[in-house]
Amino acid sequence: MPPVPAFVAPQQYLRSPDGLAMAVVILLTVVAVTDLLAVAAGLNVRRLLANGLENDFATYDHAEAALADNLYGSASLLQDVMALATAVVFIIWFRRVRLNAEVFDPSMQPMAPGWAVGAWFVPIANLVLPRRIAGGIWTASAQTNTDGSWRTVPATPMNLWWGAWVCSLVFSWVTFRLYMKAEDTQEIIDTTGLMMASDAFDIVAAVLAILFVRKLTRMQGERAALGLYPLGTQPY
């Protein structure tokens, strides 16, 4: 009787990240729009409070102020919803490009594929680990020319995206807590201004994230088109 063959894991295949990348870009664009709406709503709140403070609230319109406050709250809620939806789709895209990088060159990957999802949920470490994983994906996706020689692509889009995202996250965390602690009118005006600055910073981070997603997705398409990947895999 012939020996029973050992179990062989199924070959891993490249899968196009194009559709997911398009969805991420669209969602990031909507995020930027919701940030703009929040900035406009914040300006309105600051205007009403500043005008009221000037004349000791003698002509303060409480109905208009309540409407402005509701609009600001609605804009903030919309921001949260879009941020959550974008985060989910972005992580799915990130996992897809990480799995493709495993096909391109697993030796360039500093962490197992599962960390492409898990790294985002580790407190504190999520400020470092996803960037480390992204570095491996970036290198594997841009490592060869048509003749098989090494190709280096500047990591500027990735570094700008990560730096802006981390700074935006930290700044948003700090400003939100200051805003929640504000009590008197001047403090509310000042912290609302900080919240608006945070929203503007988030717009910059969203734009840089779009550039990163588009660049890395394009790099993987070019890498796959070369046909230089391990035996047993196939292009998408």
C-alpha atoms as a PDB file:
ATOM      1  CA  MET A   1       0.000   0.000   0.000  1.00  0.00           C
ATOM      2  CA  PRO A   2       1.469   3.399  -0.942  1.00  0.00           C
ATOM      3  CA  PRO A   3       2.135   5.795   1.932  1.00  0.00           C
ATOM      4  CA  VAL A   4      -0.605   8.262   2.775  1.00  0.00           C
ATOM      5  CA  PRO A   5       0.445  11.662   1.381  1.00  0.00           C
ATOM      6  CA  ALA A   6       1.010  14.422   3.883  1.00  0.00           C
ATOM      7  CA  PHE A   7      -1.569  17.202   4.051  1.00  0.00           C
ATOM      8  CA  VAL A   8      -0.692  20.096   1.794  1.00  0.00           C
ATOM      9  CA  ALA A   9      -2.281  23.472   2.449  1.00  0.00           C
ATOM     10  CA  PRO A  10      -4.086  24.928  -0.579  1.00  0.00           C
ATOM     11  CA  GLN A  11      -2.115  27.397  -2.619  1.00  0.00           C
ATOM     12  CA  GLN A  12      -2.705  31.019  -1.871  1.00  0.00           C
ATOM     13  CA  TYR A  13      -3.919  33.205  -4.707  1.00  0.00           C
ATOM     14  CA  LEU A  14      -3.708  36.872  -5.447  1.00  0.00           C
ATOM     15  CA  ARG A  15      -7.006  38.733  -5.230  1.00  0.00           C
ATOM     16  CA  SER A  16      -7.649  42.150  -6.664  1.00  0.00           C
ATOM     17  CA  PRO A  17      -7.985  44.919  -4.061  1.00  0.00           C
ATOM     18  CA  ASP A  18      -9.385  47.352  -6.654  1.00  0.00           C
ATOM     19  CA  GLY A  19     -13.046  47.128  -5.650  1.00  0.00           C
ATOM     20  CA  LEU A  20     -12.301  47.464  -1.956  1.00  0.00           C
ATOM     21  CA  ALA A  21      -9.924  50.341  -2.652  1.00  0.00           C
ATOM     22  CA  MET A  22     -12.645  52.192  -4.563  1.00  0.00           C
ATOM     23  CA  ALA A  23     -15.073  51.664  -1.672  1.00  0.00           C
ATOM     24  CA  VAL A  24     -12.474  52.959   0.812  1.00  0.00           C
ATOM     25  CA  VAL A  25     -11.783  56.043  -1.315  1.00  0.00           C
ATOM     26  CA  ILE A  26     -15.501  56.827  -1.571  1.00  0.00           C
ATOM     27  CA  LEU A  27     -16.011  56.399   2.174  1.00  0.00           C
ATOM     28  CA  LEU A  28     -12.980  58.537   2.995  1.00  0.00           C
ATOM     29  CA  THR A  29     -14.369  61.239   0.722  1.00  0.00           C
ATOM     30  CA  VAL A  30     -17.675  61.115   2.584  1.00  0.00           C
ATOM     31  CA  VAL A  31     -15.763  61.296   5.878  1.00  0.00           C
ATOM     32  CA  ALA A  32     -14.075  64.494   4.676  1.00  0.00           C
ATOM     33  CA  VAL A  33     -17.485  65.908   3.712  1.00  0.00           C
ATOM     34  CA  THR A  34     -18.939  65.121   7.147  1.00  0.00           C
ATOM     35  CA  ASP A  35     -15.918  66.838   8.697  1.00  0.00           C
ATOM     36  CA  LEU A  36     -16.658  69.931   6.613  1.00  0.00           C
ATOM     37  CA  LEU A  37     -20.274  69.846   7.808  1.00  0.00           C
ATOM     38  CA  ALA A  38     -19.059  69.606  11.411  1.00  0.00           C
ATOM     39  CA  VAL A  39     -16.744  72.589  10.883  1.00  0.00           C
ATOM     40  CA  ALA A  40     -19.654  74.631   9.461  1.00  0.00           C
ATOM     41  CA  ALA A  41     -21.904  73.614  12.366  1.00  0.00           C
ATOM     42  CA  GLY A  42     -19.158  74.482  14.855  1.00  0.00           C
ATOM     43  CA  LEU A  43     -18.709  77.907  13.293  1.00  0.00           C
ATOM     44  CA  ASN A  44     -22.421  78.549  13.718  1.00  0.00           C
ATOM     45  CA  VAL A  45     -22.328  77.548  17.386  1.00  0.00           C
ATOM     46  CA  ARG A  46     -19.299  79.749  18.041  1.00  0.00           C
ATOM     47  CA  ARG A  47     -20.944  82.696  16.269  1.00  0.00           C
ATOM     48  CA  LEU A  48     -24.111  82.493  18.341  1.00  0.00           C
ATOM     49  CA  LEU A  49     -22.231  82.102  21.629  1.00  0.00           C
ATOM     50  CA  ALA A  50     -19.779  84.909  20.829  1.00  0.00           C
ATOM     51  CA  ASN A  51     -22.610  87.277  19.865  1.00  0.00           C
ATOM     52  CA  GLY A  52     -24.461  86.414  23.055  1.00  0.00           C
ATOM     53  CA  LEU A  53     -21.375  86.949  25.177  1.00  0.00           C
ATOM     54  CA  GLU A  54     -20.830  90.423  23.726  1.00  0.00           C
ATOM     55  CA  ASN A  55     -24.147  91.807  25.001  1.00  0.00           C
ATOM     56  CA  ASP A  56     -24.542  89.602  28.069  1.00  0.00           C
ATOM     57  CA  PHE A  57     -27.055  87.430  26.170  1.00  0.00           C
ATOM     58  CA  ALA A  58     -29.622  90.238  26.055  1.00  0.00           C
ATOM     59  CA  THR A  59     -30.645  89.331  22.504  1.00  0.00           C
ATOM     60  CA  TYR A  60     -29.747  85.640  22.705  1.00  0.00           C
ATOM     61  CA  ASP A  61     -32.194  83.531  20.696  1.00  0.00           C
ATOM     62  CA  HIS A  62     -32.585  80.273  22.614  1.00  0.00           C
ATOM     63  CA  ALA A  63     -34.525  78.572  19.817  1.00  0.00           C
ATOM     64  CA  GLU A  64     -31.810  79.385  17.286  1.00  0.00           C
ATOM     65  CA  ALA A  65     -29.146  78.250  19.750  1.00  0.00           C
ATOM     66  CA  ALA A  66     -30.959  74.948  20.333  1.00  0.00           C
ATOM     67  CA  LEU A  67     -31.188  74.380  16.583  1.00  0.00           C
ATOM     68  CA  ALA A  68     -27.481  75.149  16.181  1.00  0.00           C
ATOM     69  CA  ASP A  69     -26.619  72.755  18.992  1.00  0.00           C
ATOM     70  CA  ASN A  70     -28.779  70.005  17.453  1.00  0.00           C
ATOM     71  CA  LEU A  71     -27.138  70.500  14.061  1.00  0.00           C
ATOM     72  CA  TYR A  72     -23.696  70.258  15.664  1.00  0.00           C
ATOM     73  CA  GLY A  73     -24.688  67.087  17.491  1.00  0.00           C
ATOM     74  CA  SER A  74     -26.123  65.568  14.308  1.00  0.00           C
ATOM     75  CA  ALA A  75     -22.941  66.371  12.396  1.00  0.00           C
ATOM     76  CA  SER A  76     -20.884  64.710  15.134  1.00  0.00           C
ATOM     77  CA  LEU A  77     -23.098  61.622  15.038  1.00  0.00           C
ATOM     78  CA  LEU A  78     -22.768  61.433  11.258  1.00  0.00           C
ATOM     79  CA  GLN A  79     -18.989  61.670  11.646  1.00  0.00           C
ATOM     80  CA  ASP A  80     -18.991  58.722  14.055  1.00  0.00           C
ATOM     81  CA  VAL A  81     -21.144  56.576  11.767  1.00  0.00           C
ATOM     82  CA  MET A  82     -18.998  57.279   8.706  1.00  0.00           C
ATOM     83  CA  ALA A  83     -15.772  56.777  10.652  1.00  0.00           C
ATOM     84  CA  LEU A  84     -16.948  53.338  11.792  1.00  0.00           C
ATOM     85  CA  ALA A  85     -18.072  52.286   8.299  1.00  0.00           C
ATOM     86  CA  THR A  86     -14.809  53.511   6.792  1.00  0.00           C
ATOM     87  CA  ALA A  87     -12.714  51.726   9.411  1.00  0.00           C
ATOM     88  CA  VAL A  88     -14.444  48.400   8.690  1.00  0.00           C
ATOM     89  CA  VAL A  89     -13.950  48.603   4.916  1.00  0.00           C
ATOM     90  CA  PHE A  90     -10.399  49.951   5.265  1.00  0.00           C
ATOM     91  CA  ILE A  91      -9.375  47.007   7.467  1.00  0.00           C
ATOM     92  CA  ILE A  92     -10.909  44.559   4.973  1.00  0.00           C
ATOM     93  CA  TRP A  93      -8.878  46.235   2.187  1.00  0.00           C
ATOM     94  CA  PHE A  94      -5.771  46.216   4.390  1.00  0.00           C
ATOM     95  CA  ARG A  95      -6.157  42.483   4.977  1.00  0.00           C
ATOM     96  CA  ARG A  96      -6.569  41.896   1.227  1.00  0.00           C
ATOM     97  CA  VAL A  97      -3.350  43.716   0.306  1.00  0.00           C
ATOM     98  CA  ARG A  98      -1.551  41.956   3.183  1.00  0.00           C
ATOM     99  CA  LEU A  99      -2.572  38.540   1.823  1.00  0.00           C
ATOM    100  CA  ASN A 100      -1.379  39.591  -1.631  1.00  0.00           C
ATOM    101  CA  ALA A 101       1.939  40.644  -0.116  1.00  0.00           C
ATOM    102  CA  GLU A 102       2.245  37.142   1.338  1.00  0.00           C
ATOM    103  CA  VAL A 103       2.120  35.811  -2.222  1.00  0.00           C
ATOM    104  CA  PHE A 104       4.554  38.418  -3.563  1.00  0.00           C
ATOM    105  CA  ASP A 105       7.170  37.783  -0.872  1.00  0.00           C
ATOM    106  CA  PRO A 106       6.356  36.361   2.585  1.00  0.00           C
ATOM    107  CA  SER A 107       9.922  36.984   3.754  1.00  0.00           C
ATOM    108  CA  MET A 108       9.244  40.737   3.731  1.00  0.00           C
ATOM    109  CA  GLN A 109       6.339  40.457   6.168  1.00  0.00           C
ATOM    110  CA  PRO A 110       7.197  41.194   9.829  1.00  0.00           C
ATOM    111  CA  MET A 111       3.984  39.712  11.242  1.00  0.00           C
ATOM    112  CA  ALA A 112       1.511  36.944  10.419  1.00  0.00           C
ATOM    113  CA  PRO A 113      -1.406  37.812   8.070  1.00  0.00           C
ATOM    114  CA  GLY A 114      -3.955  37.756  10.895  1.00  0.00           C
ATOM    115  CA  TRP A 115      -2.299  40.789  12.435  1.00  0.00           C
ATOM    116  CA  ALA A 116      -3.494  42.869   9.479  1.00  0.00           C
ATOM    117  CA  VAL A 117      -6.821  42.862  11.352  1.00  0.00           C
ATOM    118  CA  GLY A 118      -5.802  42.222  14.945  1.00  0.00           C
ATOM    119  CA  ALA A 119      -3.147  44.936  15.144  1.00  0.00           C
ATOM    120  CA  TRP A 120      -5.797  47.670  14.925  1.00  0.00           C
ATOM    121  CA  PHE A 121      -7.471  46.494  18.144  1.00  0.00           C
ATOM    122  CA  VAL A 122      -4.454  46.328  20.472  1.00  0.00           C
ATOM    123  CA  PRO A 123      -4.486  49.432  22.720  1.00  0.00           C
ATOM    124  CA  ILE A 124      -1.422  51.673  22.386  1.00  0.00           C
ATOM    125  CA  ALA A 125       0.292  49.136  20.094  1.00  0.00           C
ATOM    126  CA  ASN A 126      -2.224  50.043  17.378  1.00  0.00           C
ATOM    127  CA  LEU A 127      -0.310  53.297  17.027  1.00  0.00           C
ATOM    128  CA  VAL A 128       2.708  51.315  15.787  1.00  0.00           C
ATOM    129  CA  LEU A 129       1.871  47.787  14.596  1.00  0.00           C
ATOM    130  CA  PRO A 130      -0.315  48.623  11.551  1.00  0.00           C
ATOM    131  CA  ARG A 131       2.443  50.874  10.200  1.00  0.00           C
ATOM    132  CA  ARG A 132       4.932  48.035  10.616  1.00  0.00           C
ATOM    133  CA  ILE A 133       2.648  45.698   8.687  1.00  0.00           C
ATOM    134  CA  ALA A 134       2.043  48.335   6.012  1.00  0.00           C
ATOM    135  CA  GLY A 135       5.805  48.649   5.556  1.00  0.00           C
ATOM    136  CA  GLY A 136       6.092  44.970   4.731  1.00  0.00           C
ATOM    137  CA  ILE A 137       3.181  45.181   2.296  1.00  0.00           C
ATOM    138  CA  TRP A 138       4.686  48.231   0.619  1.00  0.00           C
ATOM    139  CA  THR A 139       8.103  46.600   0.175  1.00  0.00           C
ATOM    140  CA  ALA A 140       6.739  43.325  -1.194  1.00  0.00           C
ATOM    141  CA  SER A 141       4.395  45.148  -3.576  1.00  0.00           C
ATOM    142  CA  ALA A 142       7.188  47.193  -5.161  1.00  0.00           C
ATOM    143  CA  GLN A 143      10.212  44.965  -5.024  1.00  0.00           C
ATOM    144  CA  THR A 144      10.777  43.979  -8.659  1.00  0.00           C
ATOM    145  CA  ASN A 145      11.233  45.460 -12.102  1.00  0.00           C
ATOM    146  CA  THR A 146      10.229  43.629 -15.263  1.00  0.00           C
ATOM    147  CA  ASP A 147      13.653  41.928 -15.291  1.00  0.00           C
ATOM    148  CA  GLY A 148      13.229  40.735 -11.709  1.00  0.00           C
ATOM    149  CA  SER A 149      15.628  43.265 -10.207  1.00  0.00           C
ATOM    150  CA  TRP A 150      14.767  45.159  -7.035  1.00  0.00           C
ATOM    151  CA  ARG A 151      12.750  48.332  -7.278  1.00  0.00           C
ATOM    152  CA  THR A 152      12.455  50.845  -4.468  1.00  0.00           C
ATOM    153  CA  VAL A 153       9.394  53.058  -4.293  1.00  0.00           C
ATOM    154  CA  PRO A 154       9.596  56.019  -1.866  1.00  0.00           C
ATOM    155  CA  ALA A 155       7.358  55.353   1.124  1.00  0.00           C
ATOM    156  CA  THR A 156       6.335  59.016   1.433  1.00  0.00           C
ATOM    157  CA  PRO A 157       2.589  58.429   0.824  1.00  0.00           C
ATOM    158  CA  MET A 158       2.537  55.703   3.476  1.00  0.00           C
ATOM    159  CA  ASN A 159       4.515  57.738   6.016  1.00  0.00           C
ATOM    160  CA  LEU A 160       2.411  60.854   5.516  1.00  0.00           C
ATOM    161  CA  TRP A 161      -0.801  58.848   5.864  1.00  0.00           C
ATOM    162  CA  TRP A 162       0.326  57.135   9.048  1.00  0.00           C
ATOM    163  CA  GLY A 163       1.754  60.267  10.643  1.00  0.00           C
ATOM    164  CA  ALA A 164      -1.396  62.264   9.884  1.00  0.00           C
ATOM    165  CA  TRP A 165      -3.687  59.487  11.110  1.00  0.00           C
ATOM    166  CA  VAL A 166      -1.878  59.061  14.439  1.00  0.00           C
ATOM    167  CA  CYS A 167      -1.668  62.829  15.033  1.00  0.00           C
ATOM    168  CA  SER A 168      -5.332  63.273  14.123  1.00  0.00           C
ATOM    169  CA  LEU A 169      -6.351  60.438  16.436  1.00  0.00           C
ATOM    170  CA  VAL A 170      -4.414  61.817  19.408  1.00  0.00           C
ATOM    171  CA  PHE A 171      -5.479  65.423  18.782  1.00  0.00           C
ATOM    172  CA  SER A 172      -9.117  64.382  18.463  1.00  0.00           C
ATOM    173  CA  TRP A 173      -8.924  62.400  21.717  1.00  0.00           C
ATOM    174  CA  VAL A 174      -7.479  65.375  23.605  1.00  0.00           C
ATOM    175  CA  THR A 175      -9.810  68.029  22.167  1.00  0.00           C
ATOM    176  CA  PHE A 176     -12.937  65.947  22.741  1.00  0.00           C
ATOM    177  CA  ARG A 177     -12.111  65.579  26.430  1.00  0.00           C
ATOM    178  CA  LEU A 178     -11.443  69.295  26.752  1.00  0.00           C
ATOM    179  CA  TYR A 179     -14.753  70.002  25.036  1.00  0.00           C
ATOM    180  CA  MET A 180     -16.656  67.684  27.397  1.00  0.00           C
ATOM    181  CA  LYS A 181     -15.086  69.399  30.431  1.00  0.00           C
ATOM    182  CA  ALA A 182     -15.912  72.935  29.243  1.00  0.00           C
ATOM    183  CA  GLU A 183     -18.443  74.702  31.477  1.00  0.00           C
ATOM    184  CA  ASP A 184     -18.589  78.467  31.007  1.00  0.00           C
ATOM    185  CA  THR A 185     -19.372  80.141  27.688  1.00  0.00           C
ATOM    186  CA  GLN A 186     -15.824  81.195  26.845  1.00  0.00           C
ATOM    187  CA  GLU A 187     -14.528  77.677  27.484  1.00  0.00           C
ATOM    188  CA  ILE A 188     -17.203  76.255  25.187  1.00  0.00           C
ATOM    189  CA  ILE A 189     -16.265  78.754  22.469  1.00  0.00           C
ATOM    190  CA  ASP A 190     -12.575  77.926  22.797  1.00  0.00           C
ATOM    191  CA  THR A 191     -12.985  74.146  22.861  1.00  0.00           C
ATOM    192  CA  THR A 192     -15.440  74.257  19.958  1.00  0.00           C
ATOM    193  CA  GLY A 193     -12.673  75.985  18.017  1.00  0.00           C
ATOM    194  CA  LEU A 194     -10.317  73.153  18.961  1.00  0.00           C
ATOM    195  CA  MET A 195     -12.893  70.616  17.790  1.00  0.00           C
ATOM    196  CA  MET A 196     -13.115  72.441  14.457  1.00  0.00           C
ATOM    197  CA  ALA A 197      -9.318  72.330  14.154  1.00  0.00           C
ATOM    198  CA  SER A 198      -9.473  68.599  14.866  1.00  0.00           C
ATOM    199  CA  ASP A 199     -12.071  68.163  12.113  1.00  0.00           C
ATOM    200  CA  ALA A 200      -9.854  70.083   9.692  1.00  0.00           C
ATOM    201  CA  PHE A 201      -6.903  67.884  10.650  1.00  0.00           C
ATOM    202  CA  ASP A 202      -9.074  64.819  10.018  1.00  0.00           C
ATOM    203  CA  ILE A 203      -9.807  66.082   6.497  1.00  0.00           C
ATOM    204  CA  VAL A 204      -6.063  66.242   5.813  1.00  0.00           C
ATOM    205  CA  ALA A 205      -5.636  62.712   7.199  1.00  0.00           C
ATOM    206  CA  ALA A 206      -8.496  61.443   5.000  1.00  0.00           C
ATOM    207  CA  VAL A 207      -6.952  62.956   1.862  1.00  0.00           C
ATOM    208  CA  LEU A 208      -3.557  61.423   2.661  1.00  0.00           C
ATOM    209  CA  ALA A 209      -5.240  58.068   3.342  1.00  0.00           C
ATOM    210  CA  ILE A 210      -6.862  58.237  -0.102  1.00  0.00           C
ATOM    211  CA  LEU A 211      -3.471  58.857  -1.713  1.00  0.00           C
ATOM    212  CA  PHE A 212      -1.966  55.935   0.203  1.00  0.00           C
ATOM    213  CA  VAL A 213      -4.767  53.518  -0.698  1.00  0.00           C
ATOM    214  CA  ARG A 214      -4.669  54.457  -4.373  1.00  0.00           C
ATOM    215  CA  LYS A 215      -0.869  54.226  -4.546  1.00  0.00           C
ATOM    216  CA  LEU A 216      -0.551  50.851  -2.824  1.00  0.00           C
ATOM    217  CA  THR A 217      -3.434  49.381  -4.804  1.00  0.00           C
ATOM    218  CA  ARG A 218      -1.834  50.552  -8.058  1.00  0.00           C
ATOM    219  CA  MET A 219       1.532  49.116  -6.955  1.00  0.00           C
ATOM    220  CA  GLN A 220      -0.033  45.721  -6.328  1.00  0.00           C
ATOM    221  CA  GLY A 221      -1.664  45.759  -9.746  1.00  0.00           C
ATOM    222  CA  GLU A 222       1.663  46.536 -11.382  1.00  0.00           C
ATOM    223  CA  ARG A 223       3.423  43.882  -9.290  1.00  0.00           C
ATOM    224  CA  ALA A 224       0.861  41.228 -10.205  1.00  0.00           C
ATOM    225  CA  ALA A 225       1.072  42.133 -13.906  1.00  0.00           C
ATOM    226  CA  LEU A 226       4.774  41.219 -13.934  1.00  0.00           C
ATOM    227  CA  GLY A 227       3.929  37.582 -13.341  1.00  0.00           C
ATOM    228  CA  LEU A 228       6.851  37.236 -10.935  1.00  0.00           C
ATOM    229  CA  TYR A 229       5.385  35.365  -7.995  1.00  0.00           C
ATOM    230  CA  PRO A 230       5.895  31.912  -6.508  1.00  0.00           C
ATOM    231  CA  LEU A 231       5.032  28.800  -8.477  1.00  0.00           C
ATOM    232  CA  GLY A 232       1.475  27.659  -7.823  1.00  0.00           C
ATOM    233  CA  THR A 233      -0.030  31.098  -7.450  1.00  0.00           C
ATOM    234  CA  GLN A 234      -1.843  33.032 -10.118  1.00  0.00           C
ATOM    235  CA  PRO A 235      -2.523  36.688 -10.916  1.00  0.00           C
ATOM    236  CA  TYR A 236      -5.860  38.265 -10.211  1.00  0.00           C
END
